[in-house]
Amino acid sequence: MKKLVIYNHGKDSMPWGEKTFQFAEVAKRHGYLFESPDYQAHSDPDKRAEQLLAMDLSGYDKVVLIGSSMGAYVATVASESIKPQGLFLLAPAFYLPGYRQAEFKPTAEDIRVFHGWQDDIVPPENAWRFCQKHRIRLNLYDTDHRMLSAMPQLTEEFSRFLQD
Protein backbone atom coordinates (compact mmCIF):
# COMPACT_ATOMS: atom_id res chain seq x y z
CA MET A 1 0.00 0.00 0.00
CA LYS A 2 1.45 3.38 -1.05
CA LYS A 3 0.79 6.07 1.52
CA LEU A 4 1.59 9.78 1.19
CA VAL A 5 1.63 12.76 3.52
CA ILE A 6 1.66 16.20 1.89
CA TYR A 7 2.76 19.11 4.07
CA ASN A 8 1.39 22.50 2.99
CA HIS A 9 3.48 25.34 4.38
CA GLY A 10 2.26 28.77 5.41
CA LYS A 11 2.38 32.12 3.63
CA ASP A 12 5.84 33.25 4.70
CA SER A 13 7.29 29.80 5.35
CA MET A 14 9.36 27.54 3.16
CA PRO A 15 8.61 23.97 2.14
CA TRP A 16 11.29 22.42 4.34
CA GLY A 17 11.25 24.40 7.56
CA GLU A 18 11.63 23.15 11.12
CA LYS A 19 8.05 21.84 11.39
CA THR A 20 8.23 20.08 8.04
CA PHE A 21 11.25 17.99 9.01
CA GLN A 22 9.65 16.93 12.29
CA PHE A 23 6.39 15.85 10.64
CA ALA A 24 8.34 14.08 7.87
CA GLU A 25 10.15 11.96 10.45
CA VAL A 26 6.85 10.91 12.03
CA ALA A 27 5.32 10.11 8.63
CA LYS A 28 8.30 7.98 7.59
CA ARG A 29 8.15 6.00 10.86
CA HIS A 30 4.57 5.10 9.93
CA GLY A 31 5.49 3.98 6.40
CA TYR A 32 4.38 7.11 4.53
CA LEU A 33 6.17 8.89 1.73
CA PHE A 34 6.36 12.63 2.40
CA GLU A 35 6.16 15.63 0.11
CA SER A 36 6.21 19.35 0.79
CA PRO A 37 5.36 21.39 -2.33
CA ASP A 38 7.03 24.76 -2.75
CA TYR A 39 4.31 27.42 -2.79
CA GLN A 40 6.64 30.41 -2.44
CA ALA A 41 5.90 31.59 -6.02
CA HIS A 42 2.24 32.23 -5.07
CA SER A 43 1.07 34.52 -2.29
CA ASP A 44 -2.55 33.84 -3.31
CA PRO A 45 -3.91 30.92 -1.23
CA ASP A 46 -6.28 29.83 -4.00
CA LYS A 47 -3.41 29.60 -6.52
CA ARG A 48 -1.63 27.39 -3.97
CA ALA A 49 -4.72 25.18 -3.76
CA GLU A 50 -4.69 24.88 -7.57
CA GLN A 51 -1.02 23.86 -7.41
CA LEU A 52 -1.84 21.14 -4.87
CA LEU A 53 -4.77 19.92 -6.97
CA ALA A 54 -2.47 19.66 -10.01
CA MET A 55 -0.35 16.99 -8.28
CA ASP A 56 -0.81 13.45 -9.58
CA LEU A 57 -1.96 11.43 -6.57
CA SER A 58 -3.40 8.52 -8.55
CA GLY A 59 -0.69 6.07 -7.46
CA TYR A 60 -1.44 6.39 -3.75
CA ASP A 61 -3.83 4.27 -1.70
CA LYS A 62 -3.86 6.69 1.22
CA VAL A 63 -3.26 10.46 1.28
CA VAL A 64 -3.01 12.67 4.35
CA LEU A 65 -2.80 16.47 4.12
CA ILE A 66 -1.11 18.61 6.77
CA GLY A 67 -1.42 22.36 6.57
CA SER A 68 -0.04 25.20 8.62
CA SER A 69 -1.81 28.59 8.52
CA MET A 70 -2.37 29.42 4.83
CA GLY A 71 -1.33 25.83 4.14
CA ALA A 72 -4.23 24.62 6.28
CA TYR A 73 -6.59 26.70 4.15
CA VAL A 74 -4.99 25.18 1.02
CA ALA A 75 -5.31 21.63 2.37
CA THR A 76 -8.94 22.17 3.39
CA VAL A 77 -9.98 23.69 0.06
CA ALA A 78 -8.15 20.93 -1.86
CA SER A 79 -9.66 18.22 0.35
CA GLU A 80 -13.02 18.77 -1.34
CA SER A 81 -11.52 17.29 -4.53
CA ILE A 82 -8.71 15.08 -3.24
CA LYS A 83 -10.82 13.45 -0.50
CA PRO A 84 -7.82 12.49 1.65
CA GLN A 85 -8.04 10.01 4.51
CA GLY A 86 -6.88 12.72 6.89
CA LEU A 87 -6.61 16.47 7.39
CA PHE A 88 -4.24 17.69 10.11
CA LEU A 89 -4.62 21.47 10.42
CA LEU A 90 -2.36 23.84 12.37
CA ALA A 91 -3.43 27.46 13.04
CA PRO A 92 -5.72 27.35 9.99
CA ALA A 93 -6.06 30.66 8.14
CA PHE A 94 -9.83 30.60 7.88
CA TYR A 95 -12.21 33.56 7.47
CA LEU A 96 -9.48 36.07 6.61
CA PRO A 97 -9.81 39.03 4.23
CA GLY A 98 -8.50 38.29 0.73
CA TYR A 99 -9.19 34.57 0.88
CA ARG A 100 -11.76 33.54 -1.71
CA GLN A 101 -13.46 30.80 0.28
CA ALA A 102 -15.30 31.59 3.50
CA GLU A 103 -17.45 28.46 3.49
CA PHE A 104 -15.73 25.11 3.62
CA LYS A 105 -16.69 21.52 2.93
CA PRO A 106 -13.73 19.66 4.43
CA THR A 107 -13.70 16.15 3.05
CA ALA A 108 -11.63 13.60 4.95
CA GLU A 109 -12.27 10.56 7.09
CA ASP A 110 -10.46 12.15 10.03
CA ILE A 111 -9.93 15.88 10.67
CA ARG A 112 -7.90 17.36 13.52
CA VAL A 113 -7.47 21.07 14.25
CA PHE A 114 -4.81 22.66 16.48
CA HIS A 115 -4.42 26.34 17.32
CA GLY A 116 -2.50 28.60 19.70
CA TRP A 117 -4.17 30.73 22.35
CA GLN A 118 -1.58 33.45 21.73
CA ASP A 119 -1.98 33.51 17.94
CA ASP A 120 -1.92 37.16 16.83
CA ILE A 121 -2.06 36.34 13.09
CA VAL A 122 -5.19 34.15 12.92
CA PRO A 123 -7.50 34.55 15.91
CA PRO A 124 -8.31 31.26 17.71
CA GLU A 125 -11.97 32.25 17.33
CA ASN A 126 -11.68 31.54 13.58
CA ALA A 127 -10.63 27.96 14.25
CA TRP A 128 -13.44 27.61 16.79
CA ARG A 129 -15.97 28.88 14.23
CA PHE A 130 -14.78 26.27 11.69
CA CYS A 131 -14.72 23.45 14.26
CA GLN A 132 -18.12 24.33 15.65
CA LYS A 133 -19.68 24.37 12.18
CA HIS A 134 -18.16 21.00 11.20
CA ARG A 135 -18.32 19.36 14.66
CA ILE A 136 -14.57 18.90 14.91
CA ARG A 137 -12.68 18.96 18.19
CA LEU A 138 -10.44 22.00 18.55
CA ASN A 139 -7.14 21.42 20.35
CA LEU A 140 -5.75 24.63 21.87
CA TYR A 141 -2.20 25.13 23.09
CA ASP A 142 -0.60 27.98 25.00
CA THR A 143 1.55 29.04 22.05
CA ASP A 144 1.74 31.56 19.23
CA HIS A 145 0.90 31.33 15.53
CA ARG A 146 3.95 29.29 14.52
CA MET A 147 3.22 26.74 17.27
CA LEU A 148 6.90 25.75 17.55
CA SER A 149 6.78 25.50 21.35
CA ALA A 150 4.01 22.89 21.00
CA MET A 151 5.86 20.73 18.46
CA PRO A 152 6.55 17.85 20.87
CA GLN A 153 2.80 17.54 21.53
CA LEU A 154 1.89 18.10 17.87
CA THR A 155 4.25 15.42 16.57
CA GLU A 156 2.89 13.02 19.20
CA GLU A 157 -0.67 13.86 18.09
CA PHE A 158 0.36 13.37 14.45
CA SER A 159 1.86 9.98 15.24
CA ARG A 160 -1.42 8.88 16.88
CA PHE A 161 -3.34 10.37 13.94
CA LEU A 162 -1.40 8.22 11.44
CA GLN A 163 -1.67 5.17 13.65
CA ASP A 164 -5.47 5.50 13.89
C-alpha atoms as a PDB file:
ATOM      1  CA  MET A   1       0.000   0.000   0.000  1.00  0.00           C
ATOM      2  CA  LYS A   2       1.447   3.380  -1.050  1.00  0.00           C
ATOM      3  CA  LYS A   3       0.785   6.068   1.524  1.00  0.00           C
ATOM      4  CA  LEU A   4       1.593   9.776   1.187  1.00  0.00           C
ATOM      5  CA  VAL A   5       1.632  12.764   3.524  1.00  0.00           C
ATOM      6  CA  ILE A   6       1.657  16.197   1.885  1.00  0.00           C
ATOM      7  CA  TYR A   7       2.764  19.109   4.067  1.00  0.00           C
ATOM      8  CA  ASN A   8       1.394  22.504   2.987  1.00  0.00           C
ATOM      9  CA  HIS A   9       3.485  25.339   4.381  1.00  0.00           C
ATOM     10  CA  GLY A  10       2.262  28.766   5.412  1.00  0.00           C
ATOM     11  CA  LYS A  11       2.378  32.118   3.626  1.00  0.00           C
ATOM     12  CA  ASP A  12       5.841  33.254   4.696  1.00  0.00           C
ATOM     13  CA  SER A  13       7.287  29.805   5.348  1.00  0.00           C
ATOM     14  CA  MET A  14       9.356  27.540   3.163  1.00  0.00           C
ATOM     15  CA  PRO A  15       8.607  23.975   2.137  1.00  0.00           C
ATOM     16  CA  TRP A  16      11.294  22.419   4.340  1.00  0.00           C
ATOM     17  CA  GLY A  17      11.251  24.404   7.565  1.00  0.00           C
ATOM     18  CA  GLU A  18      11.631  23.147  11.120  1.00  0.00           C
ATOM     19  CA  LYS A  19       8.051  21.836  11.392  1.00  0.00           C
ATOM     20  CA  THR A  20       8.232  20.081   8.040  1.00  0.00           C
ATOM     21  CA  PHE A  21      11.249  17.989   9.014  1.00  0.00           C
ATOM     22  CA  GLN A  22       9.647  16.929  12.290  1.00  0.00           C
ATOM     23  CA  PHE A  23       6.392  15.848  10.637  1.00  0.00           C
ATOM     24  CA  ALA A  24       8.335  14.082   7.866  1.00  0.00           C
ATOM     25  CA  GLU A  25      10.151  11.955  10.451  1.00  0.00           C
ATOM     26  CA  VAL A  26       6.850  10.905  12.034  1.00  0.00           C
ATOM     27  CA  ALA A  27       5.325  10.107   8.628  1.00  0.00           C
ATOM     28  CA  LYS A  28       8.303   7.976   7.591  1.00  0.00           C
ATOM     29  CA  ARG A  29       8.150   5.996  10.857  1.00  0.00           C
ATOM     30  CA  HIS A  30       4.568   5.102   9.926  1.00  0.00           C
ATOM     31  CA  GLY A  31       5.491   3.984   6.396  1.00  0.00           C
ATOM     32  CA  TYR A  32       4.379   7.111   4.533  1.00  0.00           C
ATOM     33  CA  LEU A  33       6.172   8.890   1.732  1.00  0.00           C
ATOM     34  CA  PHE A  34       6.361  12.630   2.402  1.00  0.00           C
ATOM     35  CA  GLU A  35       6.159  15.635   0.112  1.00  0.00           C
ATOM     36  CA  SER A  36       6.208  19.349   0.790  1.00  0.00           C
ATOM     37  CA  PRO A  37       5.364  21.387  -2.326  1.00  0.00           C
ATOM     38  CA  ASP A  38       7.025  24.760  -2.745  1.00  0.00           C
ATOM     39  CA  TYR A  39       4.312  27.417  -2.793  1.00  0.00           C
ATOM     40  CA  GLN A  40       6.636  30.414  -2.445  1.00  0.00           C
ATOM     41  CA  ALA A  41       5.900  31.592  -6.015  1.00  0.00           C
ATOM     42  CA  HIS A  42       2.237  32.233  -5.069  1.00  0.00           C
ATOM     43  CA  SER A  43       1.068  34.516  -2.285  1.00  0.00           C
ATOM     44  CA  ASP A  44      -2.548  33.841  -3.307  1.00  0.00           C
ATOM     45  CA  PRO A  45      -3.911  30.923  -1.233  1.00  0.00           C
ATOM     46  CA  ASP A  46      -6.276  29.833  -3.997  1.00  0.00           C
ATOM     47  CA  LYS A  47      -3.406  29.600  -6.521  1.00  0.00           C
ATOM     48  CA  ARG A  48      -1.634  27.388  -3.972  1.00  0.00           C
ATOM     49  CA  ALA A  49      -4.722  25.179  -3.756  1.00  0.00           C
ATOM     50  CA  GLU A  50      -4.693  24.882  -7.570  1.00  0.00           C
ATOM     51  CA  GLN A  51      -1.018  23.864  -7.410  1.00  0.00           C
ATOM     52  CA  LEU A  52      -1.840  21.137  -4.874  1.00  0.00           C
ATOM     53  CA  LEU A  53      -4.768  19.924  -6.973  1.00  0.00           C
ATOM     54  CA  ALA A  54      -2.468  19.659 -10.007  1.00  0.00           C
ATOM     55  CA  MET A  55      -0.347  16.989  -8.276  1.00  0.00           C
ATOM     56  CA  ASP A  56      -0.806  13.447  -9.581  1.00  0.00           C
ATOM     57  CA  LEU A  57      -1.963  11.434  -6.572  1.00  0.00           C
ATOM     58  CA  SER A  58      -3.399   8.523  -8.548  1.00  0.00           C
ATOM     59  CA  GLY A  59      -0.686   6.075  -7.460  1.00  0.00           C
ATOM     60  CA  TYR A  60      -1.442   6.391  -3.746  1.00  0.00           C
ATOM     61  CA  ASP A  61      -3.830   4.269  -1.702  1.00  0.00           C
ATOM     62  CA  LYS A  62      -3.864   6.691   1.216  1.00  0.00           C
ATOM     63  CA  VAL A  63      -3.261  10.460   1.279  1.00  0.00           C
ATOM     64  CA  VAL A  64      -3.010  12.675   4.353  1.00  0.00           C
ATOM     65  CA  LEU A  65      -2.805  16.471   4.123  1.00  0.00           C
ATOM     66  CA  ILE A  66      -1.115  18.609   6.769  1.00  0.00           C
ATOM     67  CA  GLY A  67      -1.421  22.359   6.568  1.00  0.00           C
ATOM     68  CA  SER A  68      -0.041  25.205   8.617  1.00  0.00           C
ATOM     69  CA  SER A  69      -1.809  28.593   8.520  1.00  0.00           C
ATOM     70  CA  MET A  70      -2.372  29.419   4.833  1.00  0.00           C
ATOM     71  CA  GLY A  71      -1.330  25.828   4.137  1.00  0.00           C
ATOM     72  CA  ALA A  72      -4.231  24.615   6.281  1.00  0.00           C
ATOM     73  CA  TYR A  73      -6.591  26.702   4.154  1.00  0.00           C
ATOM     74  CA  VAL A  74      -4.992  25.183   1.017  1.00  0.00           C
ATOM     75  CA  ALA A  75      -5.315  21.631   2.372  1.00  0.00           C
ATOM     76  CA  THR A  76      -8.940  22.165   3.387  1.00  0.00           C
ATOM     77  CA  VAL A  77      -9.980  23.690   0.060  1.00  0.00           C
ATOM     78  CA  ALA A  78      -8.155  20.931  -1.863  1.00  0.00           C
ATOM     79  CA  SER A  79      -9.663  18.221   0.352  1.00  0.00           C
ATOM     80  CA  GLU A  80     -13.019  18.773  -1.340  1.00  0.00           C
ATOM     81  CA  SER A  81     -11.523  17.289  -4.529  1.00  0.00           C
ATOM     82  CA  ILE A  82      -8.708  15.079  -3.238  1.00  0.00           C
ATOM     83  CA  LYS A  83     -10.823  13.446  -0.497  1.00  0.00           C
ATOM     84  CA  PRO A  84      -7.820  12.491   1.648  1.00  0.00           C
ATOM     85  CA  GLN A  85      -8.040  10.012   4.507  1.00  0.00           C
ATOM     86  CA  GLY A  86      -6.875  12.716   6.889  1.00  0.00           C
ATOM     87  CA  LEU A  87      -6.609  16.472   7.388  1.00  0.00           C
ATOM     88  CA  PHE A  88      -4.237  17.691  10.113  1.00  0.00           C
ATOM     89  CA  LEU A  89      -4.619  21.469  10.418  1.00  0.00           C
ATOM     90  CA  LEU A  90      -2.356  23.841  12.374  1.00  0.00           C
ATOM     91  CA  ALA A  91      -3.428  27.456  13.037  1.00  0.00           C
ATOM     92  CA  PRO A  92      -5.717  27.349   9.989  1.00  0.00           C
ATOM     93  CA  ALA A  93      -6.058  30.658   8.139  1.00  0.00           C
ATOM     94  CA  PHE A  94      -9.830  30.599   7.878  1.00  0.00           C
ATOM     95  CA  TYR A  95     -12.208  33.562   7.472  1.00  0.00           C
ATOM     96  CA  LEU A  96      -9.478  36.066   6.608  1.00  0.00           C
ATOM     97  CA  PRO A  97      -9.806  39.031   4.226  1.00  0.00           C
ATOM     98  CA  GLY A  98      -8.501  38.293   0.730  1.00  0.00           C
ATOM     99  CA  TYR A  99      -9.193  34.570   0.879  1.00  0.00           C
ATOM    100  CA  ARG A 100     -11.761  33.542  -1.708  1.00  0.00           C
ATOM    101  CA  GLN A 101     -13.460  30.796   0.279  1.00  0.00           C
ATOM    102  CA  ALA A 102     -15.297  31.589   3.496  1.00  0.00           C
ATOM    103  CA  GLU A 103     -17.451  28.463   3.490  1.00  0.00           C
ATOM    104  CA  PHE A 104     -15.733  25.106   3.625  1.00  0.00           C
ATOM    105  CA  LYS A 105     -16.687  21.518   2.934  1.00  0.00           C
ATOM    106  CA  PRO A 106     -13.726  19.657   4.429  1.00  0.00           C
ATOM    107  CA  THR A 107     -13.700  16.155   3.054  1.00  0.00           C
ATOM    108  CA  ALA A 108     -11.631  13.603   4.951  1.00  0.00           C
ATOM    109  CA  GLU A 109     -12.267  10.556   7.087  1.00  0.00           C
ATOM    110  CA  ASP A 110     -10.458  12.155  10.032  1.00  0.00           C
ATOM    111  CA  ILE A 111      -9.933  15.876  10.665  1.00  0.00           C
ATOM    112  CA  ARG A 112      -7.899  17.362  13.520  1.00  0.00           C
ATOM    113  CA  VAL A 113      -7.470  21.073  14.245  1.00  0.00           C
ATOM    114  CA  PHE A 114      -4.809  22.664  16.477  1.00  0.00           C
ATOM    115  CA  HIS A 115      -4.420  26.342  17.319  1.00  0.00           C
ATOM    116  CA  GLY A 116      -2.505  28.602  19.700  1.00  0.00           C
ATOM    117  CA  TRP A 117      -4.171  30.731  22.353  1.00  0.00           C
ATOM    118  CA  GLN A 118      -1.577  33.447  21.729  1.00  0.00           C
ATOM    119  CA  ASP A 119      -1.982  33.514  17.936  1.00  0.00           C
ATOM    120  CA  ASP A 120      -1.925  37.165  16.829  1.00  0.00           C
ATOM    121  CA  ILE A 121      -2.062  36.340  13.091  1.00  0.00           C
ATOM    122  CA  VAL A 122      -5.188  34.153  12.921  1.00  0.00           C
ATOM    123  CA  PRO A 123      -7.504  34.547  15.915  1.00  0.00           C
ATOM    124  CA  PRO A 124      -8.307  31.264  17.707  1.00  0.00           C
ATOM    125  CA  GLU A 125     -11.971  32.246  17.326  1.00  0.00           C
ATOM    126  CA  ASN A 126     -11.675  31.543  13.584  1.00  0.00           C
ATOM    127  CA  ALA A 127     -10.630  27.958  14.253  1.00  0.00           C
ATOM    128  CA  TRP A 128     -13.436  27.607  16.793  1.00  0.00           C
ATOM    129  CA  ARG A 129     -15.973  28.875  14.230  1.00  0.00           C
ATOM    130  CA  PHE A 130     -14.778  26.267  11.694  1.00  0.00           C
ATOM    131  CA  CYS A 131     -14.715  23.447  14.256  1.00  0.00           C
ATOM    132  CA  GLN A 132     -18.115  24.326  15.646  1.00  0.00           C
ATOM    133  CA  LYS A 133     -19.681  24.366  12.183  1.00  0.00           C
ATOM    134  CA  HIS A 134     -18.162  20.999  11.201  1.00  0.00           C
ATOM    135  CA  ARG A 135     -18.321  19.360  14.658  1.00  0.00           C
ATOM    136  CA  ILE A 136     -14.574  18.901  14.914  1.00  0.00           C
ATOM    137  CA  ARG A 137     -12.684  18.957  18.193  1.00  0.00           C
ATOM    138  CA  LEU A 138     -10.438  22.005  18.549  1.00  0.00           C
ATOM    139  CA  ASN A 139      -7.139  21.422  20.354  1.00  0.00           C
ATOM    140  CA  LEU A 140      -5.749  24.628  21.865  1.00  0.00           C
ATOM    141  CA  TYR A 141      -2.198  25.126  23.092  1.00  0.00           C
ATOM    142  CA  ASP A 142      -0.598  27.978  24.997  1.00  0.00           C
ATOM    143  CA  THR A 143       1.555  29.037  22.050  1.00  0.00           C
ATOM    144  CA  ASP A 144       1.743  31.563  19.233  1.00  0.00           C
ATOM    145  CA  HIS A 145       0.900  31.326  15.527  1.00  0.00           C
ATOM    146  CA  ARG A 146       3.951  29.285  14.524  1.00  0.00           C
ATOM    147  CA  MET A 147       3.224  26.739  17.265  1.00  0.00           C
ATOM    148  CA  LEU A 148       6.900  25.749  17.549  1.00  0.00           C
ATOM    149  CA  SER A 149       6.783  25.503  21.348  1.00  0.00           C
ATOM    150  CA  ALA A 150       4.014  22.891  20.999  1.00  0.00           C
ATOM    151  CA  MET A 151       5.860  20.731  18.456  1.00  0.00           C
ATOM    152  CA  PRO A 152       6.553  17.847  20.870  1.00  0.00           C
ATOM    153  CA  GLN A 153       2.799  17.544  21.534  1.00  0.00           C
ATOM    154  CA  LEU A 154       1.887  18.097  17.874  1.00  0.00           C
ATOM    155  CA  THR A 155       4.253  15.418  16.574  1.00  0.00           C
ATOM    156  CA  GLU A 156       2.892  13.024  19.198  1.00  0.00           C
ATOM    157  CA  GLU A 157      -0.669  13.863  18.086  1.00  0.00           C
ATOM    158  CA  PHE A 158       0.360  13.371  14.454  1.00  0.00           C
ATOM    159  CA  SER A 159       1.856   9.976  15.243  1.00  0.00           C
ATOM    160  CA  ARG A 160      -1.423   8.878  16.884  1.00  0.00           C
ATOM    161  CA  PHE A 161      -3.336  10.368  13.942  1.00  0.00           C
ATOM    162  CA  LEU A 162      -1.395   8.224  11.436  1.00  0.00           C
ATOM    163  CA  GLN A 163      -1.670   5.169  13.650  1.00  0.00           C
ATOM    164  CA  ASP A 164      -5.469   5.501  13.892  1.00  0.00           C
END
